[in-house]
Amino acid sequence: MKNKVVLSKALYNRSQHEFSLEPFSINETKEFLGARYTGWDAFDAYLAVGGIPEYLKRIKTKSSILLALAD
């Protein structure tokens, strides 16, 4: 395993840096979702997905928060 993965050239010049990403706050969630959604919609979205931007992107494309969560 060590020879096939660690010492192979497949991992040559790969970055070893790690960084943590924090979830959005409620205010950042509202700003991210835009003016189309109300403060309550942003709050519902935040409670449902925890402010994770990747999930909020999926919600942003739907016509309402509830429809996005139903999918």
C-alpha atoms as a PDB file:
ATOM      1  CA  MET A   1       0.000   0.000   0.000  1.00  0.00           C
ATOM      2  CA  LYS A   2       2.755   2.412   0.920  1.00  0.00           C
ATOM      3  CA  ASN A   3       4.616   1.846  -2.341  1.00  0.00           C
ATOM      4  CA  LYS A   4       1.470   2.061  -4.465  1.00  0.00           C
ATOM      5  CA  VAL A   5       0.018   5.213  -2.937  1.00  0.00           C
ATOM      6  CA  VAL A   6       2.403   7.238  -0.810  1.00  0.00           C
ATOM      7  CA  LEU A   7       5.561   6.708  -2.839  1.00  0.00           C
ATOM      8  CA  SER A   8       3.891   6.721  -6.243  1.00  0.00           C
ATOM      9  CA  LYS A   9       4.091   9.692  -8.602  1.00  0.00           C
ATOM     10  CA  ALA A  10       0.302  10.106  -8.471  1.00  0.00           C
ATOM     11  CA  LEU A  11       0.645  12.289  -5.373  1.00  0.00           C
ATOM     12  CA  TYR A  12       3.674  14.225  -6.623  1.00  0.00           C
ATOM     13  CA  ASN A  13       3.548  17.974  -5.999  1.00  0.00           C
ATOM     14  CA  ARG A  14       0.191  17.844  -4.207  1.00  0.00           C
ATOM     15  CA  SER A  15      -0.605  20.498  -1.656  1.00  0.00           C
ATOM     16  CA  GLN A  16      -0.595  19.445   1.979  1.00  0.00           C
ATOM     17  CA  HIS A  17      -2.286  22.578   3.300  1.00  0.00           C
ATOM     18  CA  GLU A  18      -5.469  22.371   5.295  1.00  0.00           C
ATOM     19  CA  PHE A  19      -7.849  25.172   6.112  1.00  0.00           C
ATOM     20  CA  SER A  20     -11.170  25.193   7.845  1.00  0.00           C
ATOM     21  CA  LEU A  21     -14.253  26.931   6.540  1.00  0.00           C
ATOM     22  CA  GLU A  22     -16.768  28.272   8.965  1.00  0.00           C
ATOM     23  CA  PRO A  23     -20.502  28.211   8.188  1.00  0.00           C
ATOM     24  CA  PHE A  24     -22.257  31.482   7.499  1.00  0.00           C
ATOM     25  CA  SER A  25     -23.949  33.405  10.274  1.00  0.00           C
ATOM     26  CA  ILE A  26     -27.656  34.197   9.962  1.00  0.00           C
ATOM     27  CA  ASN A  27     -26.880  37.682   8.636  1.00  0.00           C
ATOM     28  CA  GLU A  28     -24.419  36.287   6.089  1.00  0.00           C
ATOM     29  CA  THR A  29     -27.017  33.711   5.069  1.00  0.00           C
ATOM     30  CA  LYS A  30     -29.578  36.450   4.402  1.00  0.00           C
ATOM     31  CA  GLU A  31     -27.027  38.427   2.406  1.00  0.00           C
ATOM     32  CA  PHE A  32     -26.057  35.323   0.423  1.00  0.00           C
ATOM     33  CA  LEU A  33     -29.650  34.425  -0.420  1.00  0.00           C
ATOM     34  CA  GLY A  34     -30.382  37.965  -1.589  1.00  0.00           C
ATOM     35  CA  ALA A  35     -33.337  40.315  -1.463  1.00  0.00           C
ATOM     36  CA  ARG A  36     -35.703  37.757  -2.987  1.00  0.00           C
ATOM     37  CA  TYR A  37     -35.966  35.991   0.380  1.00  0.00           C
ATOM     38  CA  THR A  38     -37.222  37.549   3.610  1.00  0.00           C
ATOM     39  CA  GLY A  39     -35.432  37.466   6.931  1.00  0.00           C
ATOM     40  CA  TRP A  40     -37.673  34.619   8.053  1.00  0.00           C
ATOM     41  CA  ASP A  41     -36.821  32.660   4.907  1.00  0.00           C
ATOM     42  CA  ALA A  42     -33.121  33.133   5.629  1.00  0.00           C
ATOM     43  CA  PHE A  43     -33.690  32.026   9.214  1.00  0.00           C
ATOM     44  CA  ASP A  44     -35.540  28.881   8.053  1.00  0.00           C
ATOM     45  CA  ALA A  45     -32.762  28.099   5.600  1.00  0.00           C
ATOM     46  CA  TYR A  46     -30.140  28.628   8.293  1.00  0.00           C
ATOM     47  CA  LEU A  47     -31.937  26.305  10.697  1.00  0.00           C
ATOM     48  CA  ALA A  48     -32.360  23.651   8.018  1.00  0.00           C
ATOM     49  CA  VAL A  49     -28.819  23.522   6.617  1.00  0.00           C
ATOM     50  CA  GLY A  50     -26.751  25.198   9.303  1.00  0.00           C
ATOM     51  CA  GLY A  51     -25.373  27.986   7.144  1.00  0.00           C
ATOM     52  CA  ILE A  52     -23.337  25.680   4.895  1.00  0.00           C
ATOM     53  CA  PRO A  53     -22.733  27.620   1.652  1.00  0.00           C
ATOM     54  CA  GLU A  54     -22.865  24.567  -0.628  1.00  0.00           C
ATOM     55  CA  TYR A  55     -26.382  23.710   0.554  1.00  0.00           C
ATOM     56  CA  LEU A  56     -27.464  27.342   0.487  1.00  0.00           C
ATOM     57  CA  LYS A  57     -26.484  27.504  -3.196  1.00  0.00           C
ATOM     58  CA  ARG A  58     -29.015  24.780  -3.901  1.00  0.00           C
ATOM     59  CA  ILE A  59     -31.716  26.595  -1.946  1.00  0.00           C
ATOM     60  CA  LYS A  60     -30.969  29.858  -3.750  1.00  0.00           C
ATOM     61  CA  THR A  61     -32.016  28.398  -7.110  1.00  0.00           C
ATOM     62  CA  LYS A  62     -35.551  27.487  -5.989  1.00  0.00           C
ATOM     63  CA  SER A  63     -38.579  29.744  -5.824  1.00  0.00           C
ATOM     64  CA  SER A  64     -39.059  29.239  -2.083  1.00  0.00           C
ATOM     65  CA  ILE A  65     -37.171  27.852   0.895  1.00  0.00           C
ATOM     66  CA  LEU A  66     -39.819  25.213   1.591  1.00  0.00           C
ATOM     67  CA  LEU A  67     -39.751  23.919  -1.990  1.00  0.00           C
ATOM     68  CA  ALA A  68     -35.961  23.743  -1.867  1.00  0.00           C
ATOM     69  CA  LEU A  69     -36.048  21.736   1.344  1.00  0.00           C
ATOM     70  CA  ALA A  70     -38.659  19.346  -0.048  1.00  0.00           C
ATOM     71  CA  ASP A  71     -36.337  18.294  -2.900  1.00  0.00           C
END
